[in-house]
Amino acid sequence: MIEILTPDELDRARATGALVGDILHALKARASVGTNLLDIDRWAKQMIEDAGAESCYVDYAPSFGDGPFGHYICTAVNDAVLHGMPHDYTLADGDLLTLDLAVSLRGIAADAAISFIVGTTRDPEDERLIETTERALAAGIAAARPGARIGDISRAIGTVLKAEGYPINMEFGGHGIGSTMHQDPHVANNGRPGRGYVLRPGLLLALEPWIMADTDELVTDADGWTLRSATGARTAHTEHTVAITENGAEILTLPTR
């Protein structure tokens, strides 16, 4: 299903996006050495409920996961990159943490992810991983304009990732979003320009470059959800929900604070 939002729905999407951005900003500020991933999940739950919003994750049970996710945020550490299930783990100095959050407010969902280093120990290669996903996301957003095609976005993202020498996994990528979290069209993190769905004003897309330092192969944890690099290499993941407008892509999930 591909949804084109009405002006009223787009206004609601802006509110949802701002909430997602603000929650991620607040969680990043609170996550420090000694923080437990279950605390982050608890904080996310409280912020979502305080805003009168709903989690897109708690009851989510797609074919690629093992039953309902059961948590309010994805927390991926170091070699984990996607769908990281919060568990009893205490963050250490130098951990590379990704927080991925999707919520629905007044019937419209938004989805975003941030990667950052916890504490003061900073590996330059970890910083390069994160910065590369951020630049790739910016390139994808720049390519998202009316009349362009999904392949144009994929090519823009993939060009940045490949230029830095990172392998690209094509199993998971960006997606349409609206009244539900995961919709068509799929937005791969590499592709051919001029191919795929033609972008129209009112379309919402969650664009999400993610990479693993030396492999494109994933393995799944025993929890049935958390996806890790097959080699144990570090990973990074950056995501924004954007709206296609007459003037290009509007980023909805920036923090307002």
C-alpha atoms as a PDB file:
ATOM      1  CA  MET A   1       0.000   0.000   0.000  1.00  0.00           C
ATOM      2  CA  ILE A   2       1.220   3.489  -0.900  1.00  0.00           C
ATOM      3  CA  GLU A   3      -0.506   6.386   0.863  1.00  0.00           C
ATOM      4  CA  ILE A   4      -0.613  10.007  -0.239  1.00  0.00           C
ATOM      5  CA  LEU A   5      -1.414  12.190   2.757  1.00  0.00           C
ATOM      6  CA  THR A   6      -3.932  15.023   2.759  1.00  0.00           C
ATOM      7  CA  PRO A   7      -2.844  18.457   4.072  1.00  0.00           C
ATOM      8  CA  ASP A   8      -4.503  17.672   7.434  1.00  0.00           C
ATOM      9  CA  GLU A   9      -2.733  14.321   7.654  1.00  0.00           C
ATOM     10  CA  LEU A  10       0.560  15.984   6.776  1.00  0.00           C
ATOM     11  CA  ASP A  11       0.095  18.423   9.665  1.00  0.00           C
ATOM     12  CA  ARG A  12      -0.455  15.448  11.959  1.00  0.00           C
ATOM     13  CA  ALA A  13       2.656  13.801  10.531  1.00  0.00           C
ATOM     14  CA  ARG A  14       4.660  16.908  11.434  1.00  0.00           C
ATOM     15  CA  ALA A  15       3.493  16.600  15.041  1.00  0.00           C
ATOM     16  CA  THR A  16       4.350  12.899  15.167  1.00  0.00           C
ATOM     17  CA  GLY A  17       7.747  13.508  13.616  1.00  0.00           C
ATOM     18  CA  ALA A  18       8.580  16.243  16.085  1.00  0.00           C
ATOM     19  CA  LEU A  19       7.642  13.917  18.947  1.00  0.00           C
ATOM     20  CA  VAL A  20       9.927  11.167  17.628  1.00  0.00           C
ATOM     21  CA  GLY A  21      12.786  13.620  17.173  1.00  0.00           C
ATOM     22  CA  ASP A  22      12.340  15.060  20.653  1.00  0.00           C
ATOM     23  CA  ILE A  23      12.178  11.650  22.334  1.00  0.00           C
ATOM     24  CA  LEU A  24      15.358  10.483  20.592  1.00  0.00           C
ATOM     25  CA  HIS A  25      17.093  13.747  21.538  1.00  0.00           C
ATOM     26  CA  ALA A  26      16.091  13.288  25.181  1.00  0.00           C
ATOM     27  CA  LEU A  27      17.142   9.633  25.255  1.00  0.00           C
ATOM     28  CA  LYS A  28      20.531  10.418  23.749  1.00  0.00           C
ATOM     29  CA  ALA A  29      21.092  13.023  26.459  1.00  0.00           C
ATOM     30  CA  ARG A  30      20.234  10.493  29.193  1.00  0.00           C
ATOM     31  CA  ALA A  31      22.127   7.505  27.799  1.00  0.00           C
ATOM     32  CA  SER A  32      25.543   7.363  29.436  1.00  0.00           C
ATOM     33  CA  VAL A  33      28.087   4.920  30.812  1.00  0.00           C
ATOM     34  CA  GLY A  34      26.205   2.746  33.304  1.00  0.00           C
ATOM     35  CA  THR A  35      22.786   3.130  31.658  1.00  0.00           C
ATOM     36  CA  ASN A  36      20.904  -0.127  31.178  1.00  0.00           C
ATOM     37  CA  LEU A  37      19.127  -0.733  27.862  1.00  0.00           C
ATOM     38  CA  LEU A  38      15.978  -1.657  29.783  1.00  0.00           C
ATOM     39  CA  ASP A  39      16.058   1.801  31.390  1.00  0.00           C
ATOM     40  CA  ILE A  40      16.102   3.377  27.917  1.00  0.00           C
ATOM     41  CA  ASP A  41      13.088   1.274  26.963  1.00  0.00           C
ATOM     42  CA  ARG A  42      11.285   2.328  30.144  1.00  0.00           C
ATOM     43  CA  TRP A  43      12.045   6.009  29.512  1.00  0.00           C
ATOM     44  CA  ALA A  44      10.779   5.711  25.940  1.00  0.00           C
ATOM     45  CA  LYS A  45       7.555   4.077  27.133  1.00  0.00           C
ATOM     46  CA  GLN A  46       6.937   6.905  29.601  1.00  0.00           C
ATOM     47  CA  MET A  47       7.581   9.658  27.039  1.00  0.00           C
ATOM     48  CA  ILE A  48       5.325   8.015  24.466  1.00  0.00           C
ATOM     49  CA  GLU A  49       2.502   7.590  26.958  1.00  0.00           C
ATOM     50  CA  ASP A  50       2.912  11.121  28.349  1.00  0.00           C
ATOM     51  CA  ALA A  51       2.460  12.479  24.806  1.00  0.00           C
ATOM     52  CA  GLY A  52      -0.733  10.478  24.275  1.00  0.00           C
ATOM     53  CA  ALA A  53       0.960   8.535  21.482  1.00  0.00           C
ATOM     54  CA  GLU A  54       1.212   4.827  20.733  1.00  0.00           C
ATOM     55  CA  SER A  55       4.245   2.641  20.153  1.00  0.00           C
ATOM     56  CA  CYS A  56       4.560   1.098  16.700  1.00  0.00           C
ATOM     57  CA  TYR A  57       6.758  -1.669  18.124  1.00  0.00           C
ATOM     58  CA  VAL A  58       5.136  -3.298  21.145  1.00  0.00           C
ATOM     59  CA  ASP A  59       2.649  -5.457  19.242  1.00  0.00           C
ATOM     60  CA  TYR A  60       4.569  -5.516  15.951  1.00  0.00           C
ATOM     61  CA  ALA A  61       4.970  -9.078  14.643  1.00  0.00           C
ATOM     62  CA  PRO A  62       6.232  -9.116  11.031  1.00  0.00           C
ATOM     63  CA  SER A  63       7.510 -12.173   9.191  1.00  0.00           C
ATOM     64  CA  PHE A  64      11.148 -11.280   9.884  1.00  0.00           C
ATOM     65  CA  GLY A  65      10.714 -11.193  13.675  1.00  0.00           C
ATOM     66  CA  ASP A  66       9.940 -13.836  16.281  1.00  0.00           C
ATOM     67  CA  GLY A  67       6.514 -12.854  17.572  1.00  0.00           C
ATOM     68  CA  PRO A  68       5.495  -9.436  18.950  1.00  0.00           C
ATOM     69  CA  PHE A  69       8.524  -7.215  19.611  1.00  0.00           C
ATOM     70  CA  GLY A  70       7.262  -6.360  23.089  1.00  0.00           C
ATOM     71  CA  HIS A  71       9.348  -3.190  23.630  1.00  0.00           C
ATOM     72  CA  TYR A  72       9.053   0.521  22.889  1.00  0.00           C
ATOM     73  CA  ILE A  73      12.370   1.236  21.192  1.00  0.00           C
ATOM     74  CA  CYS A  74      15.105  -0.634  19.334  1.00  0.00           C
ATOM     75  CA  THR A  75      18.489  -0.481  21.082  1.00  0.00           C
ATOM     76  CA  ALA A  76      21.408  -1.806  19.024  1.00  0.00           C
ATOM     77  CA  VAL A  77      24.925  -1.836  20.499  1.00  0.00           C
ATOM     78  CA  ASN A  78      28.244  -2.181  18.643  1.00  0.00           C
ATOM     79  CA  ASP A  79      27.843  -5.108  16.210  1.00  0.00           C
ATOM     80  CA  ALA A  80      24.027  -4.993  16.440  1.00  0.00           C
ATOM     81  CA  VAL A  81      22.502  -2.791  13.756  1.00  0.00           C
ATOM     82  CA  LEU A  82      18.760  -3.377  13.293  1.00  0.00           C
ATOM     83  CA  HIS A  83      15.775  -4.389  15.428  1.00  0.00           C
ATOM     84  CA  GLY A  84      17.858  -4.453  18.584  1.00  0.00           C
ATOM     85  CA  MET A  85      15.678  -5.796  21.376  1.00  0.00           C
ATOM     86  CA  PRO A  86      16.313  -4.057  24.726  1.00  0.00           C
ATOM     87  CA  HIS A  87      17.777  -6.438  27.266  1.00  0.00           C
ATOM     88  CA  ASP A  88      19.755  -6.406  30.492  1.00  0.00           C
ATOM     89  CA  TYR A  89      22.933  -4.772  29.228  1.00  0.00           C
ATOM     90  CA  THR A  90      24.762  -1.853  30.844  1.00  0.00           C
ATOM     91  CA  LEU A  91      26.390   0.622  28.465  1.00  0.00           C
ATOM     92  CA  ALA A  92      30.170   0.922  28.648  1.00  0.00           C
ATOM     93  CA  ASP A  93      32.531   3.718  27.674  1.00  0.00           C
ATOM     94  CA  GLY A  94      33.037   3.664  23.902  1.00  0.00           C
ATOM     95  CA  ASP A  95      29.932   1.638  23.036  1.00  0.00           C
ATOM     96  CA  LEU A  96      28.344   2.559  19.708  1.00  0.00           C
ATOM     97  CA  LEU A  97      24.619   2.790  20.379  1.00  0.00           C
ATOM     98  CA  THR A  98      21.778   3.051  17.872  1.00  0.00           C
ATOM     99  CA  LEU A  99      18.298   4.074  18.995  1.00  0.00           C
ATOM    100  CA  ASP A 100      15.454   3.451  16.527  1.00  0.00           C
ATOM    101  CA  LEU A 101      11.982   4.727  17.410  1.00  0.00           C
ATOM    102  CA  ALA A 102       8.597   4.710  15.686  1.00  0.00           C
ATOM    103  CA  VAL A 103       5.386   6.043  17.207  1.00  0.00           C
ATOM    104  CA  SER A 104       1.892   6.892  16.036  1.00  0.00           C
ATOM    105  CA  LEU A 105       0.078  10.059  17.101  1.00  0.00           C
ATOM    106  CA  ARG A 106      -3.470  10.848  15.996  1.00  0.00           C
ATOM    107  CA  GLY A 107      -3.311   8.055  13.456  1.00  0.00           C
ATOM    108  CA  ILE A 108      -0.066   8.958  11.688  1.00  0.00           C
ATOM    109  CA  ALA A 109       3.290   7.274  12.291  1.00  0.00           C
ATOM    110  CA  ALA A 110       6.873   8.566  12.101  1.00  0.00           C
ATOM    111  CA  ASP A 111      10.156   6.653  12.341  1.00  0.00           C
ATOM    112  CA  ALA A 112      13.743   7.774  12.994  1.00  0.00           C
ATOM    113  CA  ALA A 113      17.081   6.415  14.209  1.00  0.00           C
ATOM    114  CA  ILE A 114      20.310   7.875  15.561  1.00  0.00           C
ATOM    115  CA  SER A 115      23.730   6.338  16.202  1.00  0.00           C
ATOM    116  CA  PHE A 116      26.216   7.796  18.675  1.00  0.00           C
ATOM    117  CA  ILE A 117      29.142   6.880  20.881  1.00  0.00           C
ATOM    118  CA  VAL A 118      28.595   6.543  24.627  1.00  0.00           C
ATOM    119  CA  GLY A 119      31.103   8.083  27.000  1.00  0.00           C
ATOM    120  CA  THR A 120      34.412   9.710  26.134  1.00  0.00           C
ATOM    121  CA  THR A 121      36.364   6.975  24.333  1.00  0.00           C
ATOM    122  CA  ARG A 122      35.897   7.613  20.623  1.00  0.00           C
ATOM    123  CA  ASP A 123      37.218   5.273  17.948  1.00  0.00           C
ATOM    124  CA  PRO A 124      37.766   7.240  14.698  1.00  0.00           C
ATOM    125  CA  GLU A 125      36.413   4.302  12.690  1.00  0.00           C
ATOM    126  CA  ASP A 126      33.185   4.364  14.704  1.00  0.00           C
ATOM    127  CA  GLU A 127      32.898   8.087  14.040  1.00  0.00           C
ATOM    128  CA  ARG A 128      33.446   7.478  10.319  1.00  0.00           C
ATOM    129  CA  LEU A 129      30.703   4.836  10.280  1.00  0.00           C
ATOM    130  CA  ILE A 130      28.206   7.208  11.867  1.00  0.00           C
ATOM    131  CA  GLU A 131      29.207  10.198   9.758  1.00  0.00           C
ATOM    132  CA  THR A 132      28.920   8.156   6.569  1.00  0.00           C
ATOM    133  CA  THR A 133      25.331   7.132   7.323  1.00  0.00           C
ATOM    134  CA  GLU A 134      24.489  10.752   8.114  1.00  0.00           C
ATOM    135  CA  ARG A 135      25.936  11.976   4.809  1.00  0.00           C
ATOM    136  CA  ALA A 136      24.207   9.185   2.914  1.00  0.00           C
ATOM    137  CA  LEU A 137      20.898  10.140   4.498  1.00  0.00           C
ATOM    138  CA  ALA A 138      21.429  13.794   3.560  1.00  0.00           C
ATOM    139  CA  ALA A 139      22.128  12.741  -0.035  1.00  0.00           C
ATOM    140  CA  GLY A 140      18.982  10.625  -0.142  1.00  0.00           C
ATOM    141  CA  ILE A 141      16.886  13.472   1.223  1.00  0.00           C
ATOM    142  CA  ALA A 142      18.329  15.863  -1.374  1.00  0.00           C
ATOM    143  CA  ALA A 143      17.266  13.445  -4.124  1.00  0.00           C
ATOM    144  CA  ALA A 144      13.696  13.133  -2.784  1.00  0.00           C
ATOM    145  CA  ARG A 145      11.705  15.655  -4.793  1.00  0.00           C
ATOM    146  CA  PRO A 146       8.485  15.542  -6.830  1.00  0.00           C
ATOM    147  CA  GLY A 147       8.924  13.794 -10.144  1.00  0.00           C
ATOM    148  CA  ALA A 148      12.037  11.911  -9.034  1.00  0.00           C
ATOM    149  CA  ARG A 149      11.895   8.161  -8.554  1.00  0.00           C
ATOM    150  CA  ILE A 150      12.694   5.838  -5.685  1.00  0.00           C
ATOM    151  CA  GLY A 151      15.763   4.637  -7.561  1.00  0.00           C
ATOM    152  CA  ASP A 152      17.146   8.182  -7.523  1.00  0.00           C
ATOM    153  CA  ILE A 153      17.077   8.166  -3.718  1.00  0.00           C
ATOM    154  CA  SER A 154      18.618   4.696  -3.546  1.00  0.00           C
ATOM    155  CA  ARG A 155      21.392   5.673  -5.944  1.00  0.00           C
ATOM    156  CA  ALA A 156      22.187   8.836  -3.938  1.00  0.00           C
ATOM    157  CA  ILE A 157      22.442   6.883  -0.688  1.00  0.00           C
ATOM    158  CA  GLY A 158      24.452   4.060  -2.218  1.00  0.00           C
ATOM    159  CA  THR A 159      26.901   6.416  -3.892  1.00  0.00           C
ATOM    160  CA  VAL A 160      27.956   7.819  -0.510  1.00  0.00           C
ATOM    161  CA  LEU A 161      28.193   4.406   1.162  1.00  0.00           C
ATOM    162  CA  LYS A 162      30.210   2.852  -1.661  1.00  0.00           C
ATOM    163  CA  ALA A 163      32.572   5.815  -1.881  1.00  0.00           C
ATOM    164  CA  GLU A 164      33.636   5.049   1.700  1.00  0.00           C
ATOM    165  CA  GLY A 165      34.141   1.380   0.867  1.00  0.00           C
ATOM    166  CA  TYR A 166      31.301  -0.040   2.951  1.00  0.00           C
ATOM    167  CA  PRO A 167      29.393  -3.159   1.808  1.00  0.00           C
ATOM    168  CA  ILE A 168      25.661  -2.587   1.329  1.00  0.00           C
ATOM    169  CA  ASN A 169      23.042  -5.074   2.508  1.00  0.00           C
ATOM    170  CA  MET A 170      19.885  -4.974   0.360  1.00  0.00           C
ATOM    171  CA  GLU A 171      17.582  -7.004   2.629  1.00  0.00           C
ATOM    172  CA  PHE A 172      16.416  -4.043   4.707  1.00  0.00           C
ATOM    173  CA  GLY A 173      16.100  -0.379   3.814  1.00  0.00           C
ATOM    174  CA  GLY A 174      13.788   2.590   3.884  1.00  0.00           C
ATOM    175  CA  HIS A 175      10.048   2.425   3.368  1.00  0.00           C
ATOM    176  CA  GLY A 176       6.821   4.290   2.962  1.00  0.00           C
ATOM    177  CA  ILE A 177       5.062   5.317   6.143  1.00  0.00           C
ATOM    178  CA  GLY A 178       1.744   6.898   7.063  1.00  0.00           C
ATOM    179  CA  SER A 179      -1.217   5.396   8.900  1.00  0.00           C
ATOM    180  CA  THR A 180       1.018   2.372   9.526  1.00  0.00           C
ATOM    181  CA  MET A 181       4.760   2.147  10.128  1.00  0.00           C
ATOM    182  CA  HIS A 182       5.899  -0.040   7.219  1.00  0.00           C
ATOM    183  CA  GLN A 183       4.377   0.551   3.797  1.00  0.00           C
ATOM    184  CA  ASP A 184       5.380   0.503   0.166  1.00  0.00           C
ATOM    185  CA  PRO A 185       7.475   1.656  -1.554  1.00  0.00           C
ATOM    186  CA  HIS A 186      10.648  -0.063  -0.378  1.00  0.00           C
ATOM    187  CA  VAL A 187      13.704   2.217  -0.567  1.00  0.00           C
ATOM    188  CA  ALA A 188      16.880   0.184  -0.919  1.00  0.00           C
ATOM    189  CA  ASN A 189      20.180   1.720   0.161  1.00  0.00           C
ATOM    190  CA  ASN A 190      21.591   1.277  -3.341  1.00  0.00           C
ATOM    191  CA  GLY A 191      19.918   1.270  -6.719  1.00  0.00           C
ATOM    192  CA  ARG A 192      19.573   2.528 -10.244  1.00  0.00           C
ATOM    193  CA  PRO A 193      18.412   6.082 -10.967  1.00  0.00           C
ATOM    194  CA  GLY A 194      15.249   6.607 -12.963  1.00  0.00           C
ATOM    195  CA  ARG A 195      13.641   3.401 -11.690  1.00  0.00           C
ATOM    196  CA  GLY A 196      10.713   2.766  -9.384  1.00  0.00           C
ATOM    197  CA  TYR A 197       7.783   4.733  -8.051  1.00  0.00           C
ATOM    198  CA  VAL A 198       7.481   8.398  -9.037  1.00  0.00           C
ATOM    199  CA  LEU A 199       7.525  10.656  -5.958  1.00  0.00           C
ATOM    200  CA  ARG A 200       4.417  12.780  -5.373  1.00  0.00           C
ATOM    201  CA  PRO A 201       3.639  15.532  -2.849  1.00  0.00           C
ATOM    202  CA  GLY A 202       2.014  14.000   0.225  1.00  0.00           C
ATOM    203  CA  LEU A 203       4.137  10.854   0.196  1.00  0.00           C
ATOM    204  CA  LEU A 204       5.943  10.041   3.453  1.00  0.00           C
ATOM    205  CA  LEU A 205       9.182   8.070   3.346  1.00  0.00           C
ATOM    206  CA  ALA A 206      11.390   6.754   6.146  1.00  0.00           C
ATOM    207  CA  LEU A 207      14.914   6.821   4.701  1.00  0.00           C
ATOM    208  CA  GLU A 208      17.495   4.818   6.646  1.00  0.00           C
ATOM    209  CA  PRO A 209      21.063   4.187   5.523  1.00  0.00           C
ATOM    210  CA  TRP A 210      22.715   1.536   7.694  1.00  0.00           C
ATOM    211  CA  ILE A 211      26.073  -0.161   7.307  1.00  0.00           C
ATOM    212  CA  MET A 212      28.393  -2.729   8.817  1.00  0.00           C
ATOM    213  CA  ALA A 213      32.114  -2.012   8.721  1.00  0.00           C
ATOM    214  CA  ASP A 214      33.331  -5.032   6.746  1.00  0.00           C
ATOM    215  CA  THR A 215      30.411  -7.217   5.692  1.00  0.00           C
ATOM    216  CA  ASP A 216      26.938  -7.179   4.165  1.00  0.00           C
ATOM    217  CA  GLU A 217      25.903 -10.362   5.990  1.00  0.00           C
ATOM    218  CA  LEU A 218      23.545 -10.346   8.967  1.00  0.00           C
ATOM    219  CA  VAL A 219      22.991 -12.892  11.715  1.00  0.00           C
ATOM    220  CA  THR A 220      19.997 -13.026  14.059  1.00  0.00           C
ATOM    221  CA  ASP A 221      20.286 -13.241  17.842  1.00  0.00           C
ATOM    222  CA  ALA A 222      18.548 -15.924  19.850  1.00  0.00           C
ATOM    223  CA  ASP A 223      15.900 -13.318  20.757  1.00  0.00           C
ATOM    224  CA  GLY A 224      14.613 -13.697  17.188  1.00  0.00           C
ATOM    225  CA  TRP A 225      14.871  -9.970  16.472  1.00  0.00           C
ATOM    226  CA  THR A 226      18.296  -8.392  16.938  1.00  0.00           C
ATOM    227  CA  LEU A 227      20.321  -8.349  13.716  1.00  0.00           C
ATOM    228  CA  ARG A 228      24.116  -8.235  13.976  1.00  0.00           C
ATOM    229  CA  SER A 229      27.044  -8.119  11.583  1.00  0.00           C
ATOM    230  CA  ALA A 230      28.147 -11.654  10.780  1.00  0.00           C
ATOM    231  CA  THR A 231      31.780 -10.756  11.486  1.00  0.00           C
ATOM    232  CA  GLY A 232      31.184  -8.920  14.771  1.00  0.00           C
ATOM    233  CA  ALA A 233      32.123  -5.633  13.100  1.00  0.00           C
ATOM    234  CA  ARG A 234      30.755  -2.300  14.297  1.00  0.00           C
ATOM    235  CA  THR A 235      27.653  -0.844  12.677  1.00  0.00           C
ATOM    236  CA  ALA A 236      25.718   2.428  12.328  1.00  0.00           C
ATOM    237  CA  HIS A 237      22.193   3.411  11.323  1.00  0.00           C
ATOM    238  CA  THR A 238      20.670   6.857  10.725  1.00  0.00           C
ATOM    239  CA  GLU A 239      17.034   7.508   9.756  1.00  0.00           C
ATOM    240  CA  HIS A 240      14.558  10.338   9.204  1.00  0.00           C
ATOM    241  CA  THR A 241      10.951  10.424   8.106  1.00  0.00           C
ATOM    242  CA  VAL A 242      10.499  12.948   5.295  1.00  0.00           C
ATOM    243  CA  ALA A 243       7.471  14.300   3.478  1.00  0.00           C
ATOM    244  CA  ILE A 244       7.583  14.935  -0.254  1.00  0.00           C
ATOM    245  CA  THR A 245       6.337  18.474  -0.878  1.00  0.00           C
ATOM    246  CA  GLU A 246       6.163  20.716  -3.936  1.00  0.00           C
ATOM    247  CA  ASN A 247       9.511  22.168  -2.834  1.00  0.00           C
ATOM    248  CA  GLY A 248      11.311  18.906  -2.121  1.00  0.00           C
ATOM    249  CA  ALA A 249      11.694  16.774   0.997  1.00  0.00           C
ATOM    250  CA  GLU A 250      10.672  18.155   4.397  1.00  0.00           C
ATOM    251  CA  ILE A 251      12.382  16.403   7.319  1.00  0.00           C
ATOM    252  CA  LEU A 252       9.731  15.661   9.933  1.00  0.00           C
ATOM    253  CA  THR A 253      11.751  13.934  12.661  1.00  0.00           C
ATOM    254  CA  LEU A 254      14.178  16.693  13.627  1.00  0.00           C
ATOM    255  CA  PRO A 255      14.106  17.516  17.368  1.00  0.00           C
ATOM    256  CA  THR A 256      12.415  20.805  18.222  1.00  0.00           C
ATOM    257  CA  ARG A 257      14.487  21.383  21.361  1.00  0.00           C
END
